Structures are given as C-alpha cells and as structure tokens.
Amino acid sequence: MTDELLIKFLLKETSEEENTAIQEWLAADPANISVFIQFEKIWEAGKTLAPTSKVDEEAAWNKFREKTTKLKKEAAVVLPLKKNYTWLKVAAVFVLAIGAWTLYQLLSPVAYTNLTASNEVLIKTLPDGSELTINKKSQLSYASDFKNDRSVRLDSGEVFFNVAHDKTRPFIIKADQVSVEVVGTSFNVKHTVNKTEVIVETGIVKVRLGNEEIRLIKGERVSISNDTKKLLKEQSEDQLYNYYRSKLFVCNGNPLTEVAEVLNEAYDVNISVDPAARKYTLFTTLKLSATLEENLKLICETFDLTFSRNQREILLSNKK
C-alpha cells in the first residue's frame, strides 16, 4: 500500500476501486489498521501547521515519508507481551476497534436523497433551512444526514441556492469536477453537458476546479467550459438567468442569441437565429406567463423580424 494512495484516501479523492483496495489491505492484517491509524495521526498533525508558516514543502514531504517508513518497520516487529501486560492487550484491541469504526465511517458511501424537477419549477427547503429553487429538467441530491453533512450533488440542470448561514458547517455543491463552497449566501448554479456557470447575488462564494480556486462576490459570475477546464470570472449584470424565479425575461442588452437560448429552455423548443439577425441586442422585459408566440411577435416587432415554425423548430430572420 503506497503512501500516496493513503493520502489520496484521507483527502477523499479515491475512486470506488481504490477504496476497495484499501479495505482489502486493512482486512488482510490487523497490523495494517495500526499503521493506518498512526499514518492518519501524522497526516492530521501536519495539517495543523499555521498557514503562515514558510515551510520547504519538499523537505516536509521527505520528513513525512521518513516517519511513515519508520512506522511501517516498527509495525512489522511483533514483540511478545508478558502476562502482567494483559491490560495493554485490551487497550490495543480497543484502539483497533476505534480505528476500524473510523475507517468504516470513512469508507461507507454517504447516503443521498434525490430531488428531480421534471416539467415544473420545484421549491425545496433542506433540513438546515436552506431554500432551493430548482428549474425544470434538473436533477440533484443532498446528503441524507444533512444537519451534519451539508453536501449537494448537482447532476444536471439549474438551481438557485439561498443557503442558511452556518460557519461551522460549510455548504458544498459538487457538479462533476467543479466544487462550490459557501457558509451562507445566495447564488445560481447551472450545470449542463458543455459548461458549468455560477452567478452570485449575495455574499461570497468559493469555486474550485482541481487545484484552481477563485472567490466570487455579488455581481460576479464564473463560467467553466468542459473544453477549456478554466475558471473564467467576470462581472455580471445579467438578469435573464433569473426568469424561472421572477417569471420575467429581463433583457438588459442581451444578444438575441442568448434570449433565444433562454426561450428554448422555458418553452421546450429550438429557436435558431439567422446570422443576419444575430447583431441585435434586446432591451425589454417579456413575461413567462405569455405564450411563446406572443413573445416572439414582440421580438419581431422590435427588430422588424419574422419567424417561421415547424413543430419545435423555429427560425428568427429578417423580413425579405
């Protein structure tokens, strides 16, 4: 068993296959459990170093390896205990039992409760008091023991989070490789096949992708494309994303192509914009309660456009 894999396990970054390998290693010999417990203590002690300490990382790593190597050698030596040391045996069994229980808790998969919004927007209050507005065609799940583990997995779709404040238990959202962490704020997360987007309305939001991390405040957004795998932060005055909560399409100079994308989501259609009409930007407010045809007519009147429709396929173009 390598140190690298054990560290990866302590960071909760191992796969199911790697978890199985660690379980088998622990079950093979009680000495392995003892090694792991000491290994974990060394690792946790290393994490308590003040963040301002200027430490040579390579030297620290080598020192950590030396400690764990020495530990393994010591664990390999089995010394007979004298009869008057029976209490030590009991203590050893007790320590191993605690270690085994700790490992069981770490290795046991976290139970999650599924939430699905099919054809309607769903409003859900989580056990900690956080309020979620879930756009239709969205799938997510939250930890069943949410009072102790405020973690959410967003599989697909869009959710507005109004998170209950709790400094002691961060609220963490996982969307594939993207991690969003807050203690109490409000923000919108949209996760599709092509990209993940986070828009902050209040408070501070921490977004992480691999080793890269940024912080967002009110009026900022980050978009993560699956192609570039980069965190791109920018200012955002866009209110169009909020249509499923406000029931309004608020357009503040949004390109016609962006408006078409949101209308596609809201009305379950496929609107295309002719290249000659893509130069237009829209300054108006449309109602979600209106029919698609009514909103398309308003857009066409604004730019002297026309639209043609074949079932779900719609084309916006200039009048000939």
Protein backbone atom coordinates (compact mmCIF):
# COMPACT_ATOMS: atom_id res chain seq x y z
CA MET A 1 0.00 0.00 0.00
CA THR A 2 1.56 3.31 -1.07
CA ASP A 3 1.64 6.49 0.98
CA GLU A 4 0.29 8.41 -2.00
CA LEU A 5 -2.84 6.28 -2.14
CA LEU A 6 -3.45 6.58 1.61
CA ILE A 7 -3.10 10.36 1.41
CA LYS A 8 -5.48 10.41 -1.52
CA PHE A 9 -7.91 8.40 0.61
CA LEU A 10 -7.63 10.81 3.54
CA LEU A 11 -8.42 13.65 1.13
CA LYS A 12 -11.50 11.66 -0.01
CA GLU A 13 -10.30 11.67 -3.61
CA THR A 14 -10.10 7.91 -4.13
CA SER A 15 -12.27 6.01 -6.57
CA GLU A 16 -14.51 3.09 -5.59
CA GLU A 17 -11.87 0.68 -6.92
CA GLU A 18 -9.18 2.32 -4.78
CA ASN A 19 -11.47 2.26 -1.73
CA THR A 20 -11.94 -1.48 -2.25
CA ALA A 21 -8.17 -1.99 -2.45
CA ILE A 22 -7.68 -0.13 0.84
CA GLN A 23 -10.44 -2.14 2.51
CA GLU A 24 -8.81 -5.40 1.42
CA TRP A 25 -5.42 -4.21 2.67
CA LEU A 26 -6.87 -3.32 6.08
CA ALA A 27 -8.71 -6.63 6.36
CA ALA A 28 -5.59 -8.63 5.48
CA ASP A 29 -3.70 -7.90 8.71
CA PRO A 30 -4.58 -6.11 11.99
CA ALA A 31 -1.14 -4.52 11.84
CA ASN A 32 -2.26 -2.64 8.75
CA ILE A 33 -5.02 -0.97 10.77
CA SER A 34 -2.48 0.13 13.36
CA VAL A 35 -0.24 1.51 10.61
CA PHE A 36 -3.15 3.39 9.10
CA ILE A 37 -4.19 4.94 12.44
CA GLN A 38 -0.67 6.23 13.06
CA PHE A 39 -0.43 7.35 9.45
CA GLU A 40 -3.64 9.34 9.88
CA LYS A 41 -2.35 10.95 13.10
CA ILE A 42 0.84 12.07 11.35
CA TRP A 43 -1.17 13.44 8.46
CA GLU A 44 -3.61 15.33 10.71
CA ALA A 45 -0.72 16.76 12.72
CA GLY A 46 0.80 18.07 9.52
CA LYS A 47 -2.45 19.85 8.65
CA THR A 48 -2.36 21.82 11.91
CA LEU A 49 0.69 23.81 10.81
CA ALA A 50 -0.11 27.52 10.74
CA PRO A 51 -0.94 28.64 7.21
CA THR A 52 1.56 31.47 7.53
CA SER A 53 4.47 29.12 8.24
CA LYS A 54 7.06 29.18 5.50
CA VAL A 55 7.98 25.54 5.13
CA ASP A 56 10.03 23.84 2.45
CA GLU A 57 7.31 21.58 1.00
CA GLU A 58 9.76 19.07 -0.43
CA ALA A 59 11.61 18.78 2.86
CA ALA A 60 8.32 18.43 4.74
CA TRP A 61 7.21 15.70 2.39
CA ASN A 62 10.51 13.81 2.81
CA LYS A 63 10.21 14.10 6.59
CA PHE A 64 6.66 12.77 6.43
CA ARG A 65 7.84 9.82 4.31
CA GLU A 66 10.63 9.09 6.79
CA LYS A 67 8.12 8.97 9.66
CA THR A 68 5.75 6.66 7.87
CA THR A 69 8.57 4.38 6.67
CA LYS A 70 9.86 4.09 10.24
CA LEU A 71 6.31 3.43 11.42
CA LYS A 72 5.88 0.55 8.98
CA LYS A 73 9.16 -1.04 10.07
CA GLU A 74 8.16 -0.79 13.71
CA ALA A 75 4.73 -2.26 12.95
CA ALA A 76 6.41 -5.25 11.29
CA VAL A 77 8.17 -6.23 14.54
CA VAL A 78 5.90 -8.33 16.78
CA LEU A 79 7.04 -8.50 20.42
CA PRO A 80 5.55 -10.99 22.91
CA LEU A 81 3.76 -9.38 25.87
CA LYS A 82 4.29 -10.52 29.41
CA LYS A 83 1.30 -11.77 31.37
CA ASN A 84 1.23 -8.69 33.58
CA TYR A 85 0.77 -6.63 30.42
CA THR A 86 -2.68 -8.09 29.72
CA TRP A 87 -4.25 -4.66 30.11
CA LEU A 88 -2.13 -3.48 27.18
CA LYS A 89 -3.73 -6.15 25.02
CA VAL A 90 -7.16 -4.89 25.99
CA ALA A 91 -6.12 -1.33 25.21
CA ALA A 92 -4.70 -2.40 21.86
CA VAL A 93 -7.93 -4.16 20.94
CA PHE A 94 -9.87 -1.06 21.98
CA VAL A 95 -7.68 1.20 19.83
CA LEU A 96 -8.01 -1.13 16.86
CA ALA A 97 -11.77 -1.24 17.30
CA ILE A 98 -11.95 2.55 17.28
CA GLY A 99 -9.73 2.63 14.22
CA ALA A 100 -11.86 0.07 12.44
CA TRP A 101 -15.02 2.06 13.20
CA THR A 102 -13.38 5.26 11.95
CA LEU A 103 -12.37 3.51 8.75
CA TYR A 104 -15.86 2.11 8.35
CA GLN A 105 -17.27 5.64 8.58
CA LEU A 106 -14.75 6.91 6.04
CA LEU A 107 -15.22 4.06 3.60
CA SER A 108 -19.00 3.78 3.85
CA PRO A 109 -20.68 5.65 0.99
CA VAL A 110 -22.70 8.71 2.03
CA ALA A 111 -26.45 8.22 1.59
CA TYR A 112 -28.12 10.84 -0.59
CA THR A 113 -31.73 11.89 -1.12
CA ASN A 114 -32.67 12.57 -4.74
CA LEU A 115 -34.56 15.62 -5.98
CA THR A 116 -35.92 15.88 -9.52
CA ALA A 117 -37.81 18.74 -11.15
CA SER A 118 -39.40 17.37 -14.31
CA ASN A 119 -41.79 19.75 -16.06
CA GLU A 120 -42.25 22.36 -13.34
CA VAL A 121 -40.07 24.53 -11.13
CA LEU A 122 -39.65 22.94 -7.70
CA ILE A 123 -39.12 24.80 -4.41
CA LYS A 124 -37.48 22.79 -1.63
CA THR A 125 -36.37 23.63 1.92
CA LEU A 126 -33.47 21.48 3.13
CA PRO A 127 -33.14 20.23 6.75
CA ASP A 128 -30.74 23.07 7.63
CA GLY A 129 -33.23 25.72 6.46
CA SER A 130 -31.56 26.42 3.11
CA GLU A 131 -34.07 27.16 0.35
CA LEU A 132 -33.66 25.80 -3.17
CA THR A 133 -35.49 26.90 -6.31
CA ILE A 134 -34.95 24.12 -8.84
CA ASN A 135 -35.55 24.82 -12.51
CA LYS A 136 -37.43 22.22 -14.50
CA LYS A 137 -35.48 19.33 -16.03
CA SER A 138 -32.96 19.41 -13.18
CA GLN A 139 -31.57 16.55 -11.09
CA LEU A 140 -29.70 16.81 -7.82
CA SER A 141 -29.30 15.06 -4.48
CA TYR A 142 -28.35 16.06 -0.95
CA ALA A 143 -26.75 14.15 1.94
CA SER A 144 -29.40 12.35 3.98
CA ASP A 145 -27.61 13.37 7.20
CA PHE A 146 -27.76 16.99 6.09
CA LYS A 147 -27.60 18.51 9.56
CA ASN A 148 -24.04 17.18 9.85
CA ASP A 149 -23.06 16.97 6.18
CA ARG A 150 -24.24 19.92 4.08
CA SER A 151 -23.28 18.49 0.71
CA VAL A 152 -25.24 18.58 -2.54
CA ARG A 153 -24.58 16.91 -5.90
CA LEU A 154 -25.95 18.67 -8.98
CA ASP A 155 -26.13 16.12 -11.77
CA SER A 156 -27.76 18.38 -14.36
CA GLY A 157 -29.90 21.49 -14.65
CA GLU A 158 -30.14 24.75 -12.74
CA VAL A 159 -30.72 25.66 -9.09
CA PHE A 160 -30.88 28.88 -7.12
CA PHE A 161 -29.47 28.37 -3.62
CA ASN A 162 -30.40 30.58 -0.66
CA VAL A 163 -28.10 28.99 1.91
CA ALA A 164 -28.71 29.15 5.66
CA HIS A 165 -25.71 30.69 7.43
CA ASP A 166 -23.52 28.26 9.40
CA LYS A 167 -19.79 28.92 9.76
CA THR A 168 -19.16 25.56 11.41
CA ARG A 169 -20.56 23.51 8.54
CA PRO A 170 -19.75 24.73 5.02
CA PHE A 171 -22.37 24.15 2.32
CA ILE A 172 -20.71 22.30 -0.59
CA ILE A 173 -22.08 21.63 -4.07
CA LYS A 174 -20.44 19.19 -6.46
CA ALA A 175 -21.11 19.42 -10.20
CA ASP A 176 -18.79 16.85 -11.78
CA GLN A 177 -15.27 18.25 -11.21
CA VAL A 178 -16.47 21.68 -10.08
CA SER A 179 -16.89 22.36 -6.35
CA VAL A 180 -18.81 25.32 -4.90
CA GLU A 181 -18.43 26.13 -1.20
CA VAL A 182 -20.24 28.72 0.95
CA VAL A 183 -21.24 29.25 4.58
CA GLY A 184 -24.35 31.34 3.93
CA THR A 185 -25.18 33.25 0.75
CA SER A 186 -27.40 33.20 -2.35
CA PHE A 187 -26.31 32.23 -5.83
CA ASN A 188 -27.34 30.43 -9.02
CA VAL A 189 -25.66 27.31 -10.40
CA LYS A 190 -26.32 25.98 -13.89
CA HIS A 191 -24.72 22.70 -14.93
CA THR A 192 -25.03 21.33 -18.47
CA VAL A 193 -23.12 18.89 -20.65
CA ASN A 194 -20.97 21.70 -22.06
CA LYS A 195 -20.36 24.03 -19.13
CA THR A 196 -21.00 25.00 -15.51
CA GLU A 197 -21.91 28.55 -14.51
CA VAL A 198 -22.14 30.22 -11.09
CA ILE A 199 -23.71 33.67 -10.56
CA VAL A 200 -23.60 35.31 -7.11
CA GLU A 201 -26.40 37.51 -5.77
CA THR A 202 -25.25 37.94 -2.15
CA GLY A 203 -22.25 37.02 -0.01
CA ILE A 204 -19.05 35.24 -1.01
CA VAL A 205 -18.82 32.01 -2.98
CA LYS A 206 -15.70 29.87 -3.38
CA VAL A 207 -15.44 27.91 -6.64
CA ARG A 208 -12.81 25.22 -7.15
CA LEU A 209 -11.71 23.19 -10.17
CA GLY A 210 -8.80 20.85 -9.49
CA ASN A 211 -6.03 22.94 -7.92
CA GLU A 212 -7.51 26.22 -9.17
CA GLU A 213 -9.76 28.26 -6.88
CA ILE A 214 -11.46 31.67 -7.07
CA ARG A 215 -13.80 33.70 -4.88
CA LEU A 216 -16.89 35.43 -6.21
CA ILE A 217 -18.86 38.29 -4.68
CA LYS A 218 -22.19 39.91 -5.53
CA GLY A 219 -22.49 40.74 -9.21
CA GLU A 220 -19.79 38.31 -10.36
CA ARG A 221 -20.02 35.08 -12.29
CA VAL A 222 -17.75 32.26 -13.36
CA SER A 223 -18.15 30.01 -16.39
CA ILE A 224 -16.30 26.70 -16.68
CA SER A 225 -16.27 25.19 -20.15
CA ASN A 226 -15.74 21.44 -20.44
CA ASP A 227 -13.38 22.17 -23.33
CA THR A 228 -11.01 24.65 -21.64
CA LYS A 229 -11.38 23.49 -17.99
CA LYS A 230 -10.63 27.05 -16.82
CA LEU A 231 -12.28 29.28 -14.22
CA LEU A 232 -13.22 32.47 -16.08
CA LYS A 233 -14.50 35.18 -13.73
CA GLU A 234 -16.34 38.27 -14.95
CA GLN A 235 -18.75 40.99 -13.85
CA SER A 236 -22.41 40.16 -14.42
CA GLU A 237 -25.40 42.50 -14.60
CA ASP A 238 -27.43 39.90 -16.46
CA GLN A 239 -30.88 39.17 -15.02
CA LEU A 240 -32.05 36.88 -17.80
CA TYR A 241 -30.91 33.75 -15.93
CA ASN A 242 -33.40 34.56 -13.17
CA TYR A 243 -36.50 34.04 -15.33
CA TYR A 244 -37.59 30.80 -13.66
CA ARG A 245 -37.78 32.57 -10.28
CA SER A 246 -39.05 36.01 -11.30
CA LYS A 247 -41.32 34.74 -14.11
CA LEU A 248 -39.90 37.54 -16.24
CA PHE A 249 -37.38 37.59 -19.09
CA VAL A 250 -35.47 40.75 -18.14
CA CYS A 251 -33.30 41.71 -21.12
CA ASN A 252 -30.66 44.39 -20.49
CA GLY A 253 -28.86 44.43 -23.81
CA ASN A 254 -28.67 40.66 -24.14
CA PRO A 255 -27.77 39.37 -27.61
CA LEU A 256 -30.73 37.90 -29.45
CA THR A 257 -28.98 34.52 -29.47
CA GLU A 258 -28.86 34.50 -25.64
CA VAL A 259 -32.54 35.40 -25.43
CA ALA A 260 -33.31 32.57 -27.84
CA GLU A 261 -31.40 30.08 -25.65
CA VAL A 262 -33.43 31.02 -22.57
CA LEU A 263 -36.71 30.86 -24.51
CA ASN A 264 -35.68 27.38 -25.65
CA GLU A 265 -35.35 26.28 -22.03
CA ALA A 266 -38.57 27.91 -20.89
CA TYR A 267 -40.80 26.72 -23.73
CA ASP A 268 -39.02 23.49 -24.69
CA VAL A 269 -38.40 24.49 -28.32
CA ASN A 270 -35.38 25.01 -30.57
CA ILE A 271 -35.13 28.63 -31.75
CA SER A 272 -32.40 29.45 -34.26
CA VAL A 273 -31.38 32.99 -35.17
CA ASP A 274 -30.42 33.73 -38.76
CA PRO A 275 -26.82 35.05 -38.99
CA ALA A 276 -28.08 38.36 -40.38
CA ALA A 277 -30.19 38.88 -37.25
CA ARG A 278 -27.56 37.97 -34.66
CA LYS A 279 -26.34 41.56 -34.39
CA TYR A 280 -29.40 42.65 -32.41
CA THR A 281 -29.46 43.14 -28.64
CA LEU A 282 -32.70 43.28 -26.70
CA PHE A 283 -33.73 45.88 -24.09
CA THR A 284 -37.14 44.86 -22.83
CA THR A 285 -38.99 42.61 -20.41
CA LEU A 286 -41.04 39.64 -21.55
CA LYS A 287 -43.46 37.69 -19.40
CA LEU A 288 -43.08 33.98 -18.83
CA SER A 289 -46.85 33.78 -18.46
CA ALA A 290 -47.26 34.89 -22.08
CA THR A 291 -47.29 32.32 -24.86
CA LEU A 292 -44.17 31.72 -26.91
CA GLU A 293 -45.88 33.16 -29.99
CA GLU A 294 -46.74 36.37 -28.11
CA ASN A 295 -43.14 36.87 -27.01
CA LEU A 296 -41.78 36.06 -30.47
CA LYS A 297 -44.11 38.63 -32.01
CA LEU A 298 -42.85 41.31 -29.60
CA ILE A 299 -39.26 40.49 -30.53
CA CYS A 300 -40.07 40.54 -34.24
CA GLU A 301 -41.85 43.89 -33.96
CA THR A 302 -38.83 45.38 -32.17
CA PHE A 303 -36.32 44.45 -34.89
CA ASP A 304 -38.62 44.11 -37.90
CA LEU A 305 -38.06 40.35 -37.99
CA THR A 306 -40.22 37.39 -38.85
CA PHE A 307 -40.32 33.82 -37.61
CA SER A 308 -41.21 30.51 -39.19
CA ARG A 309 -42.11 27.39 -37.26
CA ASN A 310 -42.10 23.66 -37.94
CA GLN A 311 -43.29 21.98 -34.72
CA ARG A 312 -40.42 22.59 -32.22
CA GLU A 313 -38.07 24.13 -34.80
CA ILE A 314 -38.27 27.94 -35.07
CA LEU A 315 -36.23 30.34 -37.18
CA LEU A 316 -35.92 34.08 -36.49
CA SER A 317 -34.83 36.05 -39.54
CA ASN A 318 -35.04 39.44 -41.23
CA LYS A 319 -38.10 40.22 -43.31
CA LYS A 320 -37.43 39.85 -47.01
